[in-house]
C-alpha atoms as a PDB file:
ATOM      1  CA  MET A   1     120.181 126.592  91.647  1.00  0.00           C
ATOM      2  CA  LEU A   2     119.191 122.533  91.261  1.00  0.00           C
ATOM      3  CA  GLN A   3     122.304 121.621  90.997  1.00  0.00           C
ATOM      4  CA  SER A   4     122.825 122.674  94.318  1.00  0.00           C
ATOM      5  CA  LEU A   5     119.230 121.465  95.383  1.00  0.00           C
ATOM      6  CA  ALA A   6     120.388 117.828  93.980  1.00  0.00           C
ATOM      7  CA  ALA A   7     123.015 118.187  96.379  1.00  0.00           C
ATOM      8  CA  THR A   8     121.289 118.490  99.335  1.00  0.00           C
ATOM      9  CA  TRP A   9     120.935 115.151 101.228  1.00  0.00           C
ATOM     10  CA  TRP A  10     117.323 116.370 102.672  1.00  0.00           C
ATOM     11  CA  ALA A  11     115.678 117.328  99.080  1.00  0.00           C
ATOM     12  CA  TRP A  12     116.382 113.647  98.317  1.00  0.00           C
ATOM     13  CA  VAL A  13     114.594 112.471 101.593  1.00  0.00           C
ATOM     14  CA  VAL A  14     111.784 114.736 101.006  1.00  0.00           C
ATOM     15  CA  LEU A  15     111.228 113.653  97.481  1.00  0.00           C
ATOM     16  CA  GLY A  16     110.854 110.221  98.724  1.00  0.00           C
ATOM     17  CA  PHE A  17     108.382 110.779 101.021  1.00  0.00           C
ATOM     18  CA  ALA A  18     106.429 112.716  98.574  1.00  0.00           C
ATOM     19  CA  LEU A  19     106.062 110.095  96.161  1.00  0.00           C
ATOM     20  CA  GLY A  20     105.222 108.011  98.996  1.00  0.00           C
ATOM     21  CA  VAL A  21     102.602 109.802  99.693  1.00  0.00           C
ATOM     22  CA  LEU A  22     102.059 109.164  96.256  1.00  0.00           C
ATOM     23  CA  GLU A  23     102.490 105.324  96.867  1.00  0.00           C
ATOM     24  CA  ILE A  24      99.339 105.551  99.646  1.00  0.00           C
ATOM     25  CA  LEU A  25      97.051 107.607  97.180  1.00  0.00           C
ATOM     26  CA  ALA A  26      97.415 105.046  94.191  1.00  0.00           C
ATOM     27  CA  PRO A  27      98.474 101.733  95.265  1.00  0.00           C
ATOM     28  CA  GLY A  28     100.584  99.121  93.098  1.00  0.00           C
ATOM     29  CA  TYR A  29     104.424  99.317  94.143  1.00  0.00           C
ATOM     30  CA  ILE A  30     105.373 101.788  90.734  1.00  0.00           C
ATOM     31  CA  PHE A  31     105.925 104.750  93.167  1.00  0.00           C
ATOM     32  CA  LEU A  32     107.025 103.087  96.104  1.00  0.00           C
ATOM     33  CA  GLY A  33     110.279 101.998  94.070  1.00  0.00           C
ATOM     34  CA  PHE A  34     111.018 105.318  93.211  1.00  0.00           C
ATOM     35  CA  ALA A  35     110.414 106.832  96.934  1.00  0.00           C
ATOM     36  CA  ILE A  36     113.030 104.303  98.222  1.00  0.00           C
ATOM     37  CA  GLY A  37     115.504 105.126  95.469  1.00  0.00           C
ATOM     38  CA  ALA A  38     115.211 108.922  96.302  1.00  0.00           C
ATOM     39  CA  VAL A  39     115.388 108.072 100.294  1.00  0.00           C
ATOM     40  CA  LEU A  40     118.890 105.903  98.812  1.00  0.00           C
ATOM     41  CA  THR A  41     119.742 108.342  97.618  1.00  0.00           C
ATOM     42  CA  GLY A  42     119.604 111.189 100.176  1.00  0.00           C
ATOM     43  CA  ILE A  43     121.357 108.447 102.469  1.00  0.00           C
ATOM     44  CA  LEU A  44     124.635 108.670 100.044  1.00  0.00           C
ATOM     45  CA  VAL A  45     124.371 112.080  99.244  1.00  0.00           C
ATOM     46  CA  GLY A  46     124.062 112.357 103.260  1.00  0.00           C
ATOM     47  CA  THR A  47     127.164 109.814 103.781  1.00  0.00           C
ATOM     48  CA  GLY A  48     129.335 112.013 101.236  1.00  0.00           C
ATOM     49  CA  LEU A  49     129.425 108.975  99.227  1.00  0.00           C
ATOM     50  CA  ALA A  50     127.315 110.175  95.910  1.00  0.00           C
ATOM     51  CA  PRO A  51     129.399 112.447  93.694  1.00  0.00           C
ATOM     52  CA  SER A  52     128.220 115.512  93.081  1.00  0.00           C
ATOM     53  CA  GLY A  53     127.111 116.034  89.729  1.00  0.00           C
ATOM     54  CA  LEU A  54     123.331 116.293  88.922  1.00  0.00           C
ATOM     55  CA  ALA A  55     123.676 113.782  86.013  1.00  0.00           C
ATOM     56  CA  LEU A  56     125.397 111.233  88.255  1.00  0.00           C
ATOM     57  CA  LEU A  57     122.832 111.678  91.040  1.00  0.00           C
ATOM     58  CA  LEU A  58     120.323 110.920  88.602  1.00  0.00           C
ATOM     59  CA  LEU A  59     121.794 107.805  87.303  1.00  0.00           C
ATOM     60  CA  ILE A  60     122.693 106.788  90.994  1.00  0.00           C
ATOM     61  CA  PHE A  61     118.672 107.585  91.890  1.00  0.00           C
ATOM     62  CA  ALA A  62     117.556 105.505  89.002  1.00  0.00           C
ATOM     63  CA  LEU A  63     119.407 102.476  89.366  1.00  0.00           C
ATOM     64  CA  MET A  64     118.518 102.408  93.234  1.00  0.00           C
ATOM     65  CA  SER A  65     115.004 102.768  92.020  1.00  0.00           C
ATOM     66  CA  VAL A  66     115.086  99.624  89.742  1.00  0.00           C
ATOM     67  CA  ALA A  67     116.823  97.647  92.148  1.00  0.00           C
ATOM     68  CA  ALA A  68     113.829  98.702  94.846  1.00  0.00           C
ATOM     69  CA  TRP A  69     111.272  98.175  92.352  1.00  0.00           C
ATOM     70  CA  LEU A  70     112.757  94.617  91.829  1.00  0.00           C
ATOM     71  CA  ALA A  71     113.380  93.821  95.547  1.00  0.00           C
ATOM     72  CA  LEU A  72     109.895  95.067  96.117  1.00  0.00           C
ATOM     73  CA  ARG A  73     108.639  93.020  93.087  1.00  0.00           C
ATOM     74  CA  ARG A  74     110.368  89.740  94.464  1.00  0.00           C
ATOM     75  CA  THR A  75     109.345  89.961  97.833  1.00  0.00           C
ATOM     76  CA  MET A  76     105.762  90.461  97.523  1.00  0.00           C
ATOM     77  CA  GLY A  77     105.668  88.819  94.358  1.00  0.00           C
ATOM     78  CA  VAL A  78     102.212  88.608  92.175  1.00  0.00           C
ATOM     79  CA  ARG A  79      98.767  90.211  93.955  1.00  0.00           C
ATOM     80  CA  GLU A  80      95.830  88.240  94.457  1.00  0.00           C
ATOM     81  CA  GLY A  81      93.391  89.119  91.454  1.00  0.00           C
ATOM     82  CA  GLN A  82      96.309  89.621  89.070  1.00  0.00           C
ATOM     83  CA  VAL A  83      95.070  88.564  85.828  1.00  0.00           C
ATOM     84  CA  LYS A  84      97.543  85.348  85.037  1.00  0.00           C
ATOM     85  CA  LEU A  85      98.332  85.016  80.988  1.00  0.00           C
ATOM     86  CA  TRP A  86      98.113  81.893  78.953  1.00  0.00           C
ATOM     87  CA  ASP A  87     100.947  81.284  77.065  1.00  0.00           C
ATOM     88  CA  ARG A  88      99.076  77.781  75.358  1.00  0.00           C
ATOM     89  CA  ASP A  89      95.571  76.536  74.410  1.00  0.00           C
ATOM     90  CA  ILE A  90      94.582  74.076  75.848  1.00  0.00           C
ATOM     91  CA  ASN A  91      92.816  73.380  72.255  1.00  0.00           C
ATOM     92  CA  ASP A  92      96.471  73.179  70.960  1.00  0.00           C
ATOM     93  CA  ASN A  93      98.060  69.815  70.201  1.00  0.00           C
ATOM     94  CA  PRO A  94     100.561  68.731  72.252  1.00  0.00           C
END
């Protein structure tokens, strides 16, 4: 059953929208990458470009999610008020 559900495009899109709602409830650009990855996987499944195996679909979902997260990180950057990590102390000798 899970195999056939993963092969339907609308299941991936619904998962993407559900993860988007989670992002609204807990903002931080974490669930948004997964949501974009799920919707993109749904588009690939809907157009017939994705393989039919569950393991390969999960791999595509993971790769799309990482790519979306990296793109979001690059475009959104470091948020205002985020903690800056210092790599050397002012009292260290140069």
